[in-house]
C-alpha atoms as a PDB file:
ATOM      1  CA  UNK A   1      94.823  83.484  72.831  1.00  0.00           C
ATOM      2  CA  UNK A   2      96.027  86.250  70.525  1.00  0.00           C
ATOM      3  CA  UNK A   3      93.673  88.848  71.990  1.00  0.00           C
ATOM      4  CA  UNK A   4      94.916  88.350  75.542  1.00  0.00           C
ATOM      5  CA  UNK A   5      98.565  88.345  74.443  1.00  0.00           C
ATOM      6  CA  UNK A   6      98.123  91.588  72.512  1.00  0.00           C
ATOM      7  CA  UNK A   7      96.246  93.191  75.391  1.00  0.00           C
ATOM      8  CA  UNK A   8      98.918  92.287  77.935  1.00  0.00           C
ATOM      9  CA  UNK A   9     101.706  93.523  75.676  1.00  0.00           C
ATOM     10  CA  UNK A  10     100.056  96.900  75.113  1.00  0.00           C
ATOM     11  CA  UNK A  11      99.104  97.299  78.762  1.00  0.00           C
ATOM     12  CA  UNK A  12     102.663  96.486  79.782  1.00  0.00           C
ATOM     13  CA  UNK A  13     103.967  99.154  77.402  1.00  0.00           C
ATOM     14  CA  UNK A  14     101.783 101.693  79.210  1.00  0.00           C
ATOM     15  CA  UNK A  15     102.798 100.470  82.655  1.00  0.00           C
ATOM     16  CA  UNK A  16     103.013 103.392  85.093  1.00  0.00           C
ATOM     17  CA  UNK A  17     104.489 102.392  88.479  1.00  0.00           C
ATOM     18  CA  UNK A  18     103.453 105.635  90.167  1.00  0.00           C
ATOM     19  CA  UNK A  19      99.836 105.273  89.089  1.00  0.00           C
ATOM     20  CA  UNK A  20      99.921 101.558  89.873  1.00  0.00           C
ATOM     21  CA  UNK A  21     101.017 102.248  93.445  1.00  0.00           C
ATOM     22  CA  UNK A  22      98.237 104.803  93.960  1.00  0.00           C
ATOM     23  CA  UNK A  23      95.592 102.543  92.416  1.00  0.00           C
ATOM     24  CA  UNK A  24      96.623  99.573  94.536  1.00  0.00           C
ATOM     25  CA  UNK A  25      96.547 101.716  97.653  1.00  0.00           C
ATOM     26  CA  UNK A  26      93.038 102.951  96.800  1.00  0.00           C
ATOM     27  CA  UNK A  27      91.929  99.319  96.532  1.00  0.00           C
ATOM     28  CA  UNK A  28      93.560  98.581  99.901  1.00  0.00           C
ATOM     29  CA  UNK A  29      96.292  96.598  98.145  1.00  0.00           C
ATOM     30  CA  UNK A  30      93.965  93.751  97.211  1.00  0.00           C
ATOM     31  CA  UNK A  31      95.205  93.843  93.603  1.00  0.00           C
ATOM     32  CA  UNK A  32      98.160  94.811  91.469  1.00  0.00           C
ATOM     33  CA  UNK A  33      97.793  97.282  88.600  1.00  0.00           C
ATOM     34  CA  UNK A  34      99.539  98.283  85.413  1.00  0.00           C
ATOM     35  CA  UNK A  35      98.710 101.828  86.419  1.00  0.00           C
ATOM     36  CA  UNK A  36      96.626 102.703  83.363  1.00  0.00           C
ATOM     37  CA  UNK A  37      93.831 105.189  83.930  1.00  0.00           C
ATOM     38  CA  UNK A  38      90.307 104.389  82.774  1.00  0.00           C
ATOM     39  CA  UNK A  39      90.111 106.403  79.554  1.00  0.00           C
ATOM     40  CA  UNK A  40      93.470 105.191  78.264  1.00  0.00           C
ATOM     41  CA  UNK A  41      92.732 101.605  79.309  1.00  0.00           C
ATOM     42  CA  UNK A  42      89.458 101.620  77.415  1.00  0.00           C
ATOM     43  CA  UNK A  43      91.050 103.131  74.328  1.00  0.00           C
ATOM     44  CA  UNK A  44      93.719 100.423  74.228  1.00  0.00           C
ATOM     45  CA  UNK A  45      91.130  97.738  74.949  1.00  0.00           C
ATOM     46  CA  UNK A  46      88.799  98.996  72.213  1.00  0.00           C
ATOM     47  CA  UNK A  47      91.549  99.039  69.588  1.00  0.00           C
ATOM     48  CA  UNK A  48      92.729  95.503  70.355  1.00  0.00           C
ATOM     49  CA  UNK A  49      89.146  94.246  70.554  1.00  0.00           C
ATOM     50  CA  UNK A  50      88.539  95.622  67.060  1.00  0.00           C
ATOM     51  CA  UNK A  51      91.525  93.658  65.763  1.00  0.00           C
ATOM     52  CA  UNK A  52      90.312  90.442  67.410  1.00  0.00           C
ATOM     53  CA  UNK A  53      86.534  90.648  67.074  1.00  0.00           C
ATOM     54  CA  UNK A  54      86.062  87.144  65.684  1.00  0.00           C
ATOM     55  CA  UNK A  55      88.089  85.467  68.435  1.00  0.00           C
ATOM     56  CA  UNK A  56      86.216  87.343  71.168  1.00  0.00           C
ATOM     57  CA  UNK A  57      82.805  86.671  69.625  1.00  0.00           C
ATOM     58  CA  UNK A  58      83.516  82.947  69.548  1.00  0.00           C
ATOM     59  CA  UNK A  59      85.032  82.651  73.037  1.00  0.00           C
ATOM     60  CA  UNK A  60      83.772  85.447  75.337  1.00  0.00           C
ATOM     61  CA  UNK A  61      83.342  83.239  78.409  1.00  0.00           C
ATOM     62  CA  UNK A  62      86.704  81.493  78.049  1.00  0.00           C
ATOM     63  CA  UNK A  63      88.530  84.763  77.416  1.00  0.00           C
ATOM     64  CA  UNK A  64      86.849  86.421  80.394  1.00  0.00           C
ATOM     65  CA  UNK A  65      87.845  83.594  82.728  1.00  0.00           C
ATOM     66  CA  UNK A  66      91.445  83.702  81.513  1.00  0.00           C
ATOM     67  CA  UNK A  67      91.611  87.460  81.988  1.00  0.00           C
ATOM     68  CA  UNK A  68      90.111  87.098  85.456  1.00  0.00           C
ATOM     69  CA  UNK A  69      92.842  84.664  86.436  1.00  0.00           C
ATOM     70  CA  UNK A  70      95.521  87.322  85.783  1.00  0.00           C
ATOM     71  CA  UNK A  71      96.882  89.416  88.656  1.00  0.00           C
ATOM     72  CA  UNK A  72      96.402  92.901  87.230  1.00  0.00           C
ATOM     73  CA  UNK A  73      93.068  94.576  87.984  1.00  0.00           C
ATOM     74  CA  UNK A  74      92.819  96.257  84.575  1.00  0.00           C
ATOM     75  CA  UNK A  75      92.500  92.808  82.984  1.00  0.00           C
ATOM     76  CA  UNK A  76      89.617  91.964  85.314  1.00  0.00           C
ATOM     77  CA  UNK A  77      87.825  95.100  84.158  1.00  0.00           C
ATOM     78  CA  UNK A  78      88.313  94.033  80.540  1.00  0.00           C
ATOM     79  CA  UNK A  79      86.843  90.606  81.302  1.00  0.00           C
ATOM     80  CA  UNK A  80      83.738  92.191  82.779  1.00  0.00           C
ATOM     81  CA  UNK A  81      83.303  94.561  79.836  1.00  0.00           C
ATOM     82  CA  UNK A  82      83.560  91.690  77.364  1.00  0.00           C
ATOM     83  CA  UNK A  83      80.798  89.766  79.110  1.00  0.00           C
ATOM     84  CA  UNK A  84      78.545  92.822  79.398  1.00  0.00           C
ATOM     85  CA  UNK A  85      78.784  93.479  75.666  1.00  0.00           C
ATOM     86  CA  UNK A  86      78.982  89.953  74.271  1.00  0.00           C
ATOM     87  CA  UNK A  87      76.429  88.119  76.400  1.00  0.00           C
ATOM     88  CA  UNK A  88      73.588  90.647  76.509  1.00  0.00           C
ATOM     89  CA  UNK A  89      70.609  89.034  74.843  1.00  0.00           C
ATOM     90  CA  UNK A  90      72.498  85.733  74.646  1.00  0.00           C
ATOM     91  CA  UNK A  91      72.731  84.460  78.215  1.00  0.00           C
ATOM     92  CA  UNK A  92      72.485  80.722  78.647  1.00  0.00           C
ATOM     93  CA  UNK A  93      70.773  79.294  81.710  1.00  0.00           C
ATOM     94  CA  UNK A  94      74.023  77.697  82.853  1.00  0.00           C
ATOM     95  CA  UNK A  95      75.863  81.035  82.724  1.00  0.00           C
ATOM     96  CA  UNK A  96      74.886  81.559  86.348  1.00  0.00           C
ATOM     97  CA  UNK A  97      77.825  79.310  87.238  1.00  0.00           C
ATOM     98  CA  UNK A  98      80.198  81.682  85.458  1.00  0.00           C
ATOM     99  CA  UNK A  99      78.597  84.713  87.086  1.00  0.00           C
ATOM    100  CA  UNK A 100      78.886  83.240  90.550  1.00  0.00           C
ATOM    101  CA  UNK A 101      82.530  82.353  89.979  1.00  0.00           C
ATOM    102  CA  UNK A 102      83.323  85.928  88.963  1.00  0.00           C
ATOM    103  CA  UNK A 103      81.462  87.336  91.961  1.00  0.00           C
ATOM    104  CA  UNK A 104      83.454  85.266  94.450  1.00  0.00           C
ATOM    105  CA  UNK A 105      86.823  85.594  92.670  1.00  0.00           C
ATOM    106  CA  UNK A 106      89.012  88.696  93.063  1.00  0.00           C
ATOM    107  CA  UNK A 107      86.053  90.189  94.904  1.00  0.00           C
ATOM    108  CA  UNK A 108      85.847  93.853  95.807  1.00  0.00           C
ATOM    109  CA  UNK A 109      83.158  96.501  95.467  1.00  0.00           C
ATOM    110  CA  UNK A 110      84.321  97.748  92.048  1.00  0.00           C
ATOM    111  CA  UNK A 111      83.945  94.401  90.293  1.00  0.00           C
ATOM    112  CA  UNK A 112      81.064  92.977  92.312  1.00  0.00           C
ATOM    113  CA  UNK A 113      78.838  96.014  91.862  1.00  0.00           C
ATOM    114  CA  UNK A 114      79.398  96.115  88.107  1.00  0.00           C
ATOM    115  CA  UNK A 115      78.749  92.391  87.746  1.00  0.00           C
ATOM    116  CA  UNK A 116      75.678  92.503  89.997  1.00  0.00           C
ATOM    117  CA  UNK A 117      74.022  95.332  88.080  1.00  0.00           C
ATOM    118  CA  UNK A 118      75.138  94.792  84.502  1.00  0.00           C
ATOM    119  CA  UNK A 119      75.600  91.026  84.262  1.00  0.00           C
ATOM    120  CA  UNK A 120      73.603  89.279  87.006  1.00  0.00           C
ATOM    121  CA  UNK A 121      70.780  91.793  86.623  1.00  0.00           C
ATOM    122  CA  UNK A 122      70.688  91.318  82.849  1.00  0.00           C
ATOM    123  CA  UNK A 123      70.932  87.525  83.151  1.00  0.00           C
ATOM    124  CA  UNK A 124      67.887  87.425  85.451  1.00  0.00           C
ATOM    125  CA  UNK A 125      65.893  89.671  83.123  1.00  0.00           C
ATOM    126  CA  UNK A 126      66.578  87.145  80.378  1.00  0.00           C
ATOM    127  CA  UNK A 127      65.912  84.159  82.658  1.00  0.00           C
ATOM    128  CA  UNK A 128      63.271  85.434  85.090  1.00  0.00           C
ATOM    129  CA  UNK A 129      62.270  81.941  86.231  1.00  0.00           C
ATOM    130  CA  UNK A 130      65.763  81.586  87.734  1.00  0.00           C
ATOM    131  CA  UNK A 131      65.410  84.675  89.915  1.00  0.00           C
ATOM    132  CA  UNK A 132      63.868  83.113  93.014  1.00  0.00           C
ATOM    133  CA  UNK A 133      66.357  80.241  93.265  1.00  0.00           C
ATOM    134  CA  UNK A 134      69.432  82.317  92.407  1.00  0.00           C
ATOM    135  CA  UNK A 135      68.653  85.188  94.770  1.00  0.00           C
ATOM    136  CA  UNK A 136      67.680  82.861  97.605  1.00  0.00           C
ATOM    137  CA  UNK A 137      70.941  80.953  97.214  1.00  0.00           C
ATOM    138  CA  UNK A 138      73.057  84.101  96.979  1.00  0.00           C
ATOM    139  CA  UNK A 139      71.219  85.730  99.862  1.00  0.00           C
ATOM    140  CA  UNK A 140      71.703  82.719 102.138  1.00  0.00           C
ATOM    141  CA  UNK A 141      75.353  82.263 101.226  1.00  0.00           C
ATOM    142  CA  UNK A 142      78.140  82.790 103.736  1.00  0.00           C
ATOM    143  CA  UNK A 143      79.876  84.852 101.052  1.00  0.00           C
ATOM    144  CA  UNK A 144      79.182  88.517 101.751  1.00  0.00           C
ATOM    145  CA  UNK A 145      79.676  89.523  98.109  1.00  0.00           C
ATOM    146  CA  UNK A 146      76.928  87.153  96.984  1.00  0.00           C
ATOM    147  CA  UNK A 147      74.675  88.660  99.673  1.00  0.00           C
ATOM    148  CA  UNK A 148      75.477  92.140  98.343  1.00  0.00           C
ATOM    149  CA  UNK A 149      74.747  91.026  94.780  1.00  0.00           C
ATOM    150  CA  UNK A 150      71.342  89.692  95.813  1.00  0.00           C
ATOM    151  CA  UNK A 151      70.494  93.146  97.152  1.00  0.00           C
ATOM    152  CA  UNK A 152      71.917  95.126  94.228  1.00  0.00           C
ATOM    153  CA  UNK A 153      71.039  93.127  91.124  1.00  0.00           C
ATOM    154  CA  UNK A 154      67.891  95.187  90.423  1.00  0.00           C
ATOM    155  CA  UNK A 155      69.795  98.472  90.157  1.00  0.00           C
ATOM    156  CA  UNK A 156      68.554 100.105  86.974  1.00  0.00           C
ATOM    157  CA  UNK A 157      65.381  97.988  86.789  1.00  0.00           C
ATOM    158  CA  UNK A 158      63.239 101.056  87.581  1.00  0.00           C
ATOM    159  CA  UNK A 159      59.584 100.091  86.923  1.00  0.00           C
ATOM    160  CA  UNK A 160      60.623  96.467  86.455  1.00  0.00           C
ATOM    161  CA  UNK A 161      61.835  96.289  90.055  1.00  0.00           C
ATOM    162  CA  UNK A 162      60.291  93.550  92.161  1.00  0.00           C
ATOM    163  CA  UNK A 163      59.936  95.683  95.276  1.00  0.00           C
ATOM    164  CA  UNK A 164      58.621  92.799  97.368  1.00  0.00           C
ATOM    165  CA  UNK A 165      61.843  90.939  96.649  1.00  0.00           C
ATOM    166  CA  UNK A 166      63.947  94.018  97.372  1.00  0.00           C
ATOM    167  CA  UNK A 167      62.127  94.563 100.672  1.00  0.00           C
ATOM    168  CA  UNK A 168      62.651  90.925 101.579  1.00  0.00           C
ATOM    169  CA  UNK A 169      66.396  91.196 100.968  1.00  0.00           C
ATOM    170  CA  UNK A 170      66.653  94.420 102.941  1.00  0.00           C
ATOM    171  CA  UNK A 171      64.705  92.948 105.865  1.00  0.00           C
ATOM    172  CA  UNK A 172      66.797  89.796 105.850  1.00  0.00           C
ATOM    173  CA  UNK A 173      70.107  91.656 106.051  1.00  0.00           C
ATOM    174  CA  UNK A 174      69.100  94.848 107.870  1.00  0.00           C
ATOM    175  CA  UNK A 175      70.839  93.848 111.105  1.00  0.00           C
ATOM    176  CA  UNK A 176      74.148  93.092 109.420  1.00  0.00           C
ATOM    177  CA  UNK A 177      77.151  94.904 110.857  1.00  0.00           C
ATOM    178  CA  UNK A 178      78.957  94.582 107.515  1.00  0.00           C
ATOM    179  CA  UNK A 179      79.570  97.996 105.944  1.00  0.00           C
ATOM    180  CA  UNK A 180      79.149  96.703 102.391  1.00  0.00           C
ATOM    181  CA  UNK A 181      75.763  95.193 103.217  1.00  0.00           C
ATOM    182  CA  UNK A 182      74.467  98.269 105.012  1.00  0.00           C
ATOM    183  CA  UNK A 183      75.607 100.418 102.109  1.00  0.00           C
ATOM    184  CA  UNK A 184      74.025  98.074  99.558  1.00  0.00           C
ATOM    185  CA  UNK A 185      70.635  98.227 101.292  1.00  0.00           C
ATOM    186  CA  UNK A 186      70.697 102.011 101.272  1.00  0.00           C
ATOM    187  CA  UNK A 187      71.886 102.209  97.683  1.00  0.00           C
ATOM    188  CA  UNK A 188      69.272  99.768  96.356  1.00  0.00           C
ATOM    189  CA  UNK A 189      66.467 101.594  98.138  1.00  0.00           C
ATOM    190  CA  UNK A 190      67.747 105.007  97.035  1.00  0.00           C
ATOM    191  CA  UNK A 191      67.829 103.908  93.403  1.00  0.00           C
ATOM    192  CA  UNK A 192      64.291 102.557  93.501  1.00  0.00           C
ATOM    193  CA  UNK A 193      63.281 105.731  95.306  1.00  0.00           C
ATOM    194  CA  UNK A 194      63.954 107.602  92.064  1.00  0.00           C
ATOM    195  CA  UNK A 195      61.081 105.616  90.557  1.00  0.00           C
ATOM    196  CA  UNK A 196      58.782 105.321  93.570  1.00  0.00           C
ATOM    197  CA  UNK A 197      59.914 107.602  96.413  1.00  0.00           C
ATOM    198  CA  UNK A 198      56.808 107.264  98.574  1.00  0.00           C
ATOM    199  CA  UNK A 199      56.973 103.483  98.972  1.00  0.00           C
ATOM    200  CA  UNK A 200      60.676 103.686  99.778  1.00  0.00           C
ATOM    201  CA  UNK A 201      60.096 106.392 102.372  1.00  0.00           C
ATOM    202  CA  UNK A 202      57.329 104.346 103.959  1.00  0.00           C
ATOM    203  CA  UNK A 203      59.440 101.207 104.018  1.00  0.00           C
ATOM    204  CA  UNK A 204      62.374 102.988 105.643  1.00  0.00           C
ATOM    205  CA  UNK A 205      60.140 104.654 108.235  1.00  0.00           C
ATOM    206  CA  UNK A 206      58.495 101.358 109.139  1.00  0.00           C
ATOM    207  CA  UNK A 207      61.692  99.332 109.488  1.00  0.00           C
ATOM    208  CA  UNK A 208      64.583  99.642 111.885  1.00  0.00           C
ATOM    209  CA  UNK A 209      67.405  99.905 109.389  1.00  0.00           C
ATOM    210  CA  UNK A 210      70.981 100.592 110.376  1.00  0.00           C
ATOM    211  CA  UNK A 211      71.850 104.283 110.374  1.00  0.00           C
ATOM    212  CA  UNK A 212      74.010 104.031 107.250  1.00  0.00           C
ATOM    213  CA  UNK A 213      71.307 102.155 105.317  1.00  0.00           C
ATOM    214  CA  UNK A 214      68.638 104.672 106.307  1.00  0.00           C
ATOM    215  CA  UNK A 215      70.837 107.655 105.483  1.00  0.00           C
ATOM    216  CA  UNK A 216      71.694 106.288 102.037  1.00  0.00           C
ATOM    217  CA  UNK A 217      68.111 105.277 101.282  1.00  0.00           C
ATOM    218  CA  UNK A 218      66.666 108.705 102.050  1.00  0.00           C
ATOM    219  CA  UNK A 219      69.513 110.783 100.629  1.00  0.00           C
ATOM    220  CA  UNK A 220      67.450 112.049  97.684  1.00  0.00           C
ATOM    221  CA  UNK A 221      64.023 111.695  99.254  1.00  0.00           C
ATOM    222  CA  UNK A 222      64.164 113.427 102.631  1.00  0.00           C
END
């Protein structure tokens, strides 16, 4: 695809080995990088997107999957941004298969958290009848990143938050020794606490959460 070719060429021109080394180290060497910082990456991405709008509009899912199969992390970020912008308001029921594939591929907190909040969360707002089955399946999965996504997908829902569902997820995973799960529980509760602090405080006080989860949940509440 012309868009992907052009993107790779321009990213390669801006390749910065020193930055790439530091970025890879920060991500515990799970991924390779071109070494392009966020602002510059987005500027390049935006310019090439503008030149290839028709191609992207016709093939957002295919392009995203191809980008996600590449080794460099910057291309994964571009894939996610394409889906956020192109699919909002246009999610198909079967897109959950694509979302799940992205969540379990090249998984780390930076991609999973963005997908959970901005893609999975949006998908379930558009297909609310899928919520129970999807979250139950993700929550019961042996894949920790799907578990984390089931806890975090309501970030930004505010008054639309299904607190009973959030409580259920927190209770189910509250004894996990996994850092990313403990952190997710605290983060999800803290975010909803901005909308309804009293119910979050009561929930935390009535449940034996892990120290990290409790600390994160009450950070802005006290």
